[in-house]
Structures are given as structure tokens and as C-alpha cells.
Amino acid sequence: MHPLDPEATFTVPMKNKAKPIHEVRLGSIKAAVWRNKTEAGVRYNVTVSRLYKDGDNWQSTDSFGRDDLLLLAKVADHTHSWIFAQGQEQDSTAMPAPSRPGEGD
């Protein structure tokens, strides 16, 4: 398994913490999406990390080098799109469909 293989998955110990509801990963850059229920509705937070191998062990860091930045931006873009789609789904189930001109007049 190569660390830049986009299909590869890595297990990072989370010490009994809640798991993210969604992850976006390109190469060694990963974004984890966390769902938080608030009085104002559902909000999403994102943590971003870079995976690397230290000897035989996989580690993660929140530090990024120059060559990571374009991939980081792409991961952020994909993550934003996913979160935006979740908001669209919630809005469509919470609100009635808009009426068309001439309907209900």
C-alpha cells in the first residue's frame, strides 16, 4: 500500500472518541467532517490532517508543506461541496417545495 494511493485507507487511533460522519481523502491529505447538533440546527466542523509514515507506524499531523497546499485546497473544496450538499438535503426536507407562478393564486 503506497501512502499516496487515493484508494488506500489508514487507521489512526482515536482513543475512544466519536468518529467523523464523513471523510475526504486525496493522497496523504485527509479531511474529517464532524456533525454537531445545535439549537440553531446542524453545524459541521472539519479537521484536516496529513498522513505520513514514521518507521513502521502511520502518524498524522496538522502541519503542511508547500507541496501539500494544492492537494489541501482540493480536499477542502470537496469537503465544502459535501457539506453544502448536506445542507441542501436538510433544507429540501424541512421546507415545502416552492410554488410555481400561477399556482395557488
N, C-alpha and C. Protein backbone atom coordinates (compact mmCIF):
# COMPACT_ATOMS: atom_id res chain seq x y z
N MET A 1 0.85 -1.17 0.00
CA MET A 1 0.00 0.00 0.00
C MET A 1 0.89 1.23 0.00
N HIS A 2 0.73 2.07 -0.99
CA HIS A 2 1.52 3.29 -1.14
C HIS A 2 0.81 4.45 -0.45
N PRO A 3 1.53 5.32 0.29
CA PRO A 3 0.87 6.39 1.05
C PRO A 3 0.14 7.40 0.20
N LEU A 4 0.45 7.52 -1.08
CA LEU A 4 -0.24 8.49 -1.92
C LEU A 4 -1.33 7.84 -2.75
N ASP A 5 -1.60 6.56 -2.53
CA ASP A 5 -2.67 5.86 -3.22
C ASP A 5 -4.00 6.38 -2.70
N PRO A 6 -4.83 7.02 -3.57
CA PRO A 6 -6.08 7.60 -3.09
C PRO A 6 -7.08 6.55 -2.61
N GLU A 7 -6.88 5.29 -2.97
CA GLU A 7 -7.78 4.23 -2.55
C GLU A 7 -7.34 3.61 -1.22
N ALA A 8 -6.14 3.92 -0.76
CA ALA A 8 -5.62 3.32 0.46
C ALA A 8 -6.35 3.90 1.67
N THR A 9 -6.52 3.10 2.68
CA THR A 9 -7.11 3.58 3.92
C THR A 9 -6.14 3.33 5.05
N PHE A 10 -6.16 4.19 6.02
CA PHE A 10 -5.25 4.10 7.15
C PHE A 10 -6.07 4.17 8.43
N THR A 11 -5.63 3.46 9.41
CA THR A 11 -6.27 3.51 10.71
C THR A 11 -5.42 4.38 11.62
N VAL A 12 -6.03 5.44 12.10
CA VAL A 12 -5.36 6.33 13.03
C VAL A 12 -6.07 6.19 14.36
N PRO A 13 -5.37 5.79 15.42
CA PRO A 13 -6.02 5.60 16.72
C PRO A 13 -6.74 6.86 17.17
N MET A 14 -7.98 6.70 17.63
CA MET A 14 -8.77 7.86 18.03
C MET A 14 -9.08 7.86 19.53
N LYS A 15 -8.60 6.87 20.29
CA LYS A 15 -8.74 6.83 21.75
C LYS A 15 -10.18 7.02 22.20
N ASN A 16 -11.08 6.15 21.72
CA ASN A 16 -12.47 6.14 22.15
C ASN A 16 -13.22 7.43 21.86
N LYS A 17 -12.82 8.16 20.87
CA LYS A 17 -13.53 9.38 20.50
C LYS A 17 -14.59 9.05 19.47
N ALA A 18 -15.54 9.95 19.31
CA ALA A 18 -16.56 9.79 18.28
C ALA A 18 -15.88 9.80 16.91
N LYS A 19 -16.51 9.13 15.96
CA LYS A 19 -15.95 9.08 14.62
C LYS A 19 -16.60 10.16 13.75
N PRO A 20 -15.85 10.66 12.78
CA PRO A 20 -16.43 11.66 11.87
C PRO A 20 -17.54 11.03 11.03
N ILE A 21 -18.47 11.85 10.57
CA ILE A 21 -19.56 11.32 9.76
C ILE A 21 -19.16 11.18 8.30
N HIS A 22 -18.07 11.83 7.91
CA HIS A 22 -17.61 11.74 6.52
C HIS A 22 -16.13 12.08 6.47
N GLU A 23 -15.42 11.47 5.54
CA GLU A 23 -14.00 11.79 5.33
C GLU A 23 -13.76 11.98 3.84
N VAL A 24 -12.91 12.94 3.53
CA VAL A 24 -12.47 13.16 2.16
C VAL A 24 -10.96 12.99 2.18
N ARG A 25 -10.46 12.16 1.27
CA ARG A 25 -9.02 11.92 1.27
C ARG A 25 -8.50 11.89 -0.15
N LEU A 26 -7.44 12.65 -0.37
CA LEU A 26 -6.69 12.63 -1.62
C LEU A 26 -5.23 12.45 -1.25
N GLY A 27 -4.65 11.34 -1.66
CA GLY A 27 -3.26 11.08 -1.31
C GLY A 27 -3.09 11.04 0.19
N SER A 28 -2.17 11.83 0.70
CA SER A 28 -1.89 11.81 2.13
C SER A 28 -2.67 12.88 2.91
N ILE A 29 -3.51 13.64 2.23
CA ILE A 29 -4.27 14.70 2.89
C ILE A 29 -5.69 14.22 3.15
N LYS A 30 -6.16 14.42 4.38
CA LYS A 30 -7.48 13.93 4.76
C LYS A 30 -8.24 14.99 5.54
N ALA A 31 -9.53 15.13 5.22
CA ALA A 31 -10.43 15.99 5.98
C ALA A 31 -11.48 15.11 6.64
N ALA A 32 -11.74 15.34 7.91
CA ALA A 32 -12.77 14.63 8.65
C ALA A 32 -13.88 15.62 8.97
N VAL A 33 -15.12 15.24 8.67
CA VAL A 33 -16.28 16.11 8.90
C VAL A 33 -17.00 15.63 10.15
N TRP A 34 -17.27 16.57 11.03
CA TRP A 34 -17.93 16.28 12.31
C TRP A 34 -19.27 16.99 12.31
N ARG A 35 -20.32 16.26 12.72
CA ARG A 35 -21.67 16.81 12.77
C ARG A 35 -21.98 17.23 14.21
N ASN A 36 -22.44 18.46 14.36
CA ASN A 36 -22.79 18.98 15.68
C ASN A 36 -24.21 19.51 15.65
N LYS A 37 -25.04 18.98 16.53
CA LYS A 37 -26.41 19.48 16.65
C LYS A 37 -26.41 20.67 17.60
N THR A 38 -27.01 21.76 17.16
CA THR A 38 -27.11 22.95 17.99
C THR A 38 -28.57 23.40 18.03
N GLU A 39 -28.87 24.37 18.86
CA GLU A 39 -30.22 24.92 18.91
C GLU A 39 -30.61 25.55 17.57
N ALA A 40 -29.62 26.02 16.84
CA ALA A 40 -29.87 26.66 15.54
C ALA A 40 -29.91 25.65 14.40
N GLY A 41 -29.71 24.38 14.70
CA GLY A 41 -29.70 23.34 13.67
C GLY A 41 -28.36 22.63 13.63
N VAL A 42 -28.19 21.84 12.60
CA VAL A 42 -26.95 21.07 12.45
C VAL A 42 -25.84 21.96 11.90
N ARG A 43 -24.69 21.84 12.50
CA ARG A 43 -23.48 22.55 12.03
C ARG A 43 -22.40 21.51 11.79
N TYR A 44 -21.54 21.79 10.84
CA TYR A 44 -20.45 20.87 10.52
C TYR A 44 -19.12 21.55 10.78
N ASN A 45 -18.21 20.81 11.40
CA ASN A 45 -16.84 21.25 11.59
C ASN A 45 -15.92 20.28 10.87
N VAL A 46 -14.75 20.76 10.50
CA VAL A 46 -13.82 19.95 9.73
C VAL A 46 -12.44 20.00 10.37
N THR A 47 -11.81 18.85 10.48
CA THR A 47 -10.41 18.79 10.85
C THR A 47 -9.64 18.24 9.65
N VAL A 48 -8.45 18.79 9.42
CA VAL A 48 -7.65 18.39 8.27
C VAL A 48 -6.30 17.89 8.77
N SER A 49 -5.83 16.82 8.17
CA SER A 49 -4.55 16.25 8.59
C SER A 49 -3.78 15.72 7.39
N ARG A 50 -2.49 15.53 7.63
CA ARG A 50 -1.61 14.91 6.63
C ARG A 50 -1.08 13.63 7.24
N LEU A 51 -1.22 12.53 6.51
CA LEU A 51 -0.73 11.24 6.98
C LEU A 51 0.70 11.03 6.51
N TYR A 52 1.51 10.44 7.37
CA TYR A 52 2.89 10.12 7.00
C TYR A 52 3.33 8.89 7.79
N LYS A 53 4.36 8.25 7.29
CA LYS A 53 4.85 7.05 7.94
C LYS A 53 6.13 7.38 8.71
N ASP A 54 6.15 7.01 9.98
CA ASP A 54 7.30 7.19 10.85
C ASP A 54 7.79 5.80 11.20
N GLY A 55 8.80 5.33 10.47
CA GLY A 55 9.25 3.95 10.65
C GLY A 55 8.18 3.01 10.12
N ASP A 56 7.68 2.14 11.00
CA ASP A 56 6.62 1.20 10.60
C ASP A 56 5.23 1.71 10.97
N ASN A 57 5.14 2.86 11.62
CA ASN A 57 3.86 3.37 12.11
C ASN A 57 3.36 4.55 11.31
N TRP A 58 2.05 4.56 11.06
CA TRP A 58 1.43 5.70 10.40
C TRP A 58 1.08 6.74 11.46
N GLN A 59 1.36 7.99 11.14
CA GLN A 59 1.08 9.11 12.03
C GLN A 59 0.28 10.15 11.26
N SER A 60 -0.26 11.11 11.97
CA SER A 60 -0.93 12.23 11.31
C SER A 60 -0.45 13.53 11.94
N THR A 61 -0.50 14.59 11.16
CA THR A 61 -0.09 15.91 11.62
C THR A 61 -1.01 16.94 11.01
N ASP A 62 -1.09 18.10 11.64
CA ASP A 62 -1.86 19.21 11.07
C ASP A 62 -0.93 20.25 10.46
N SER A 63 0.28 19.84 10.16
CA SER A 63 1.27 20.70 9.52
C SER A 63 1.40 20.30 8.05
N PHE A 64 1.47 21.30 7.17
CA PHE A 64 1.50 21.05 5.74
C PHE A 64 2.65 21.81 5.10
N GLY A 65 3.32 21.16 4.17
CA GLY A 65 4.40 21.79 3.43
C GLY A 65 3.90 22.45 2.16
N ARG A 66 4.79 23.16 1.49
CA ARG A 66 4.45 23.84 0.25
C ARG A 66 3.81 22.89 -0.76
N ASP A 67 4.37 21.71 -0.90
CA ASP A 67 3.88 20.76 -1.91
C ASP A 67 2.55 20.12 -1.51
N ASP A 68 2.09 20.32 -0.29
CA ASP A 68 0.81 19.78 0.16
C ASP A 68 -0.35 20.74 -0.11
N LEU A 69 -0.05 22.00 -0.35
CA LEU A 69 -1.09 23.02 -0.32
C LEU A 69 -2.13 22.88 -1.42
N LEU A 70 -1.74 22.54 -2.63
CA LEU A 70 -2.73 22.39 -3.70
C LEU A 70 -3.67 21.22 -3.39
N LEU A 71 -3.12 20.11 -2.92
CA LEU A 71 -3.95 18.97 -2.56
C LEU A 71 -4.85 19.31 -1.37
N LEU A 72 -4.33 20.07 -0.42
CA LEU A 72 -5.11 20.52 0.72
C LEU A 72 -6.30 21.35 0.24
N ALA A 73 -6.05 22.24 -0.72
CA ALA A 73 -7.13 23.07 -1.26
C ALA A 73 -8.19 22.22 -1.95
N LYS A 74 -7.77 21.19 -2.66
CA LYS A 74 -8.72 20.31 -3.34
C LYS A 74 -9.55 19.51 -2.33
N VAL A 75 -8.91 19.03 -1.29
CA VAL A 75 -9.63 18.31 -0.24
C VAL A 75 -10.63 19.25 0.42
N ALA A 76 -10.23 20.48 0.70
CA ALA A 76 -11.14 21.46 1.30
C ALA A 76 -12.32 21.74 0.37
N ASP A 77 -12.06 21.84 -0.93
CA ASP A 77 -13.13 22.08 -1.90
C ASP A 77 -14.13 20.93 -1.92
N HIS A 78 -13.63 19.69 -1.98
CA HIS A 78 -14.52 18.52 -1.98
C HIS A 78 -15.32 18.45 -0.68
N THR A 79 -14.66 18.77 0.42
CA THR A 79 -15.33 18.73 1.73
C THR A 79 -16.42 19.79 1.80
N HIS A 80 -16.13 20.98 1.33
CA HIS A 80 -17.13 22.05 1.30
C HIS A 80 -18.33 21.64 0.47
N SER A 81 -18.08 21.03 -0.69
CA SER A 81 -19.18 20.59 -1.56
C SER A 81 -20.04 19.55 -0.86
N TRP A 82 -19.42 18.62 -0.14
CA TRP A 82 -20.18 17.59 0.57
C TRP A 82 -21.03 18.22 1.66
N ILE A 83 -20.46 19.13 2.43
CA ILE A 83 -21.21 19.79 3.50
C ILE A 83 -22.35 20.60 2.90
N PHE A 84 -22.09 21.31 1.83
CA PHE A 84 -23.12 22.11 1.18
C PHE A 84 -24.27 21.21 0.72
N ALA A 85 -23.96 20.05 0.16
CA ALA A 85 -25.00 19.11 -0.28
C ALA A 85 -25.84 18.63 0.91
N GLN A 86 -25.22 18.44 2.07
CA GLN A 86 -25.98 18.03 3.25
C GLN A 86 -26.96 19.11 3.63
N GLY A 87 -26.54 20.35 3.56
CA GLY A 87 -27.42 21.46 3.87
C GLY A 87 -28.58 21.55 2.89
N GLN A 88 -28.32 21.27 1.62
CA GLN A 88 -29.37 21.28 0.62
C GLN A 88 -30.40 20.19 0.90
N GLU A 89 -29.93 19.00 1.30
CA GLU A 89 -30.83 17.90 1.63
C GLU A 89 -31.69 18.25 2.83
N GLN A 90 -31.09 18.86 3.85
CA GLN A 90 -31.85 19.24 5.04
C GLN A 90 -32.87 20.32 4.70
N ASP A 91 -32.46 21.29 3.89
CA ASP A 91 -33.37 22.36 3.51
C ASP A 91 -34.55 21.81 2.72
N SER A 92 -34.30 20.84 1.84
CA SER A 92 -35.38 20.32 1.00
C SER A 92 -36.36 19.47 1.81
N THR A 93 -35.91 18.85 2.91
CA THR A 93 -36.82 18.07 3.73
C THR A 93 -37.54 18.94 4.74
N ALA A 94 -36.97 20.08 5.09
CA ALA A 94 -37.56 20.95 6.10
C ALA A 94 -38.52 21.97 5.50
N MET A 95 -38.33 22.33 4.25
CA MET A 95 -39.14 23.37 3.64
C MET A 95 -40.01 22.78 2.53
N PRO A 96 -41.23 23.29 2.39
CA PRO A 96 -42.06 22.83 1.28
C PRO A 96 -41.46 23.30 -0.04
N ALA A 97 -41.77 22.57 -1.09
CA ALA A 97 -41.27 22.94 -2.41
C ALA A 97 -41.83 24.31 -2.79
N PRO A 98 -41.01 25.14 -3.47
CA PRO A 98 -41.50 26.46 -3.86
C PRO A 98 -42.63 26.32 -4.86
N SER A 99 -43.61 27.24 -4.73
CA SER A 99 -44.74 27.19 -5.67
C SER A 99 -44.33 27.82 -6.99
N ARG A 100 -44.97 27.38 -8.03
CA ARG A 100 -44.69 27.91 -9.35
C ARG A 100 -45.61 29.08 -9.62
N PRO A 101 -45.17 30.00 -10.47
CA PRO A 101 -46.07 31.13 -10.81
C PRO A 101 -47.40 30.63 -11.33
N GLY A 102 -48.46 31.19 -10.81
CA GLY A 102 -49.81 30.80 -11.24
C GLY A 102 -50.43 29.73 -10.39
N GLU A 103 -49.64 29.05 -9.55
CA GLU A 103 -50.19 28.03 -8.66
C GLU A 103 -50.68 28.68 -7.37
N GLY A 104 -51.83 28.30 -6.91
CA GLY A 104 -52.34 28.79 -5.65
C GLY A 104 -52.80 30.24 -5.70
N ASP A 105 -52.88 30.85 -6.88
CA ASP A 105 -53.35 32.24 -6.98
C ASP A 105 -54.84 32.29 -7.09
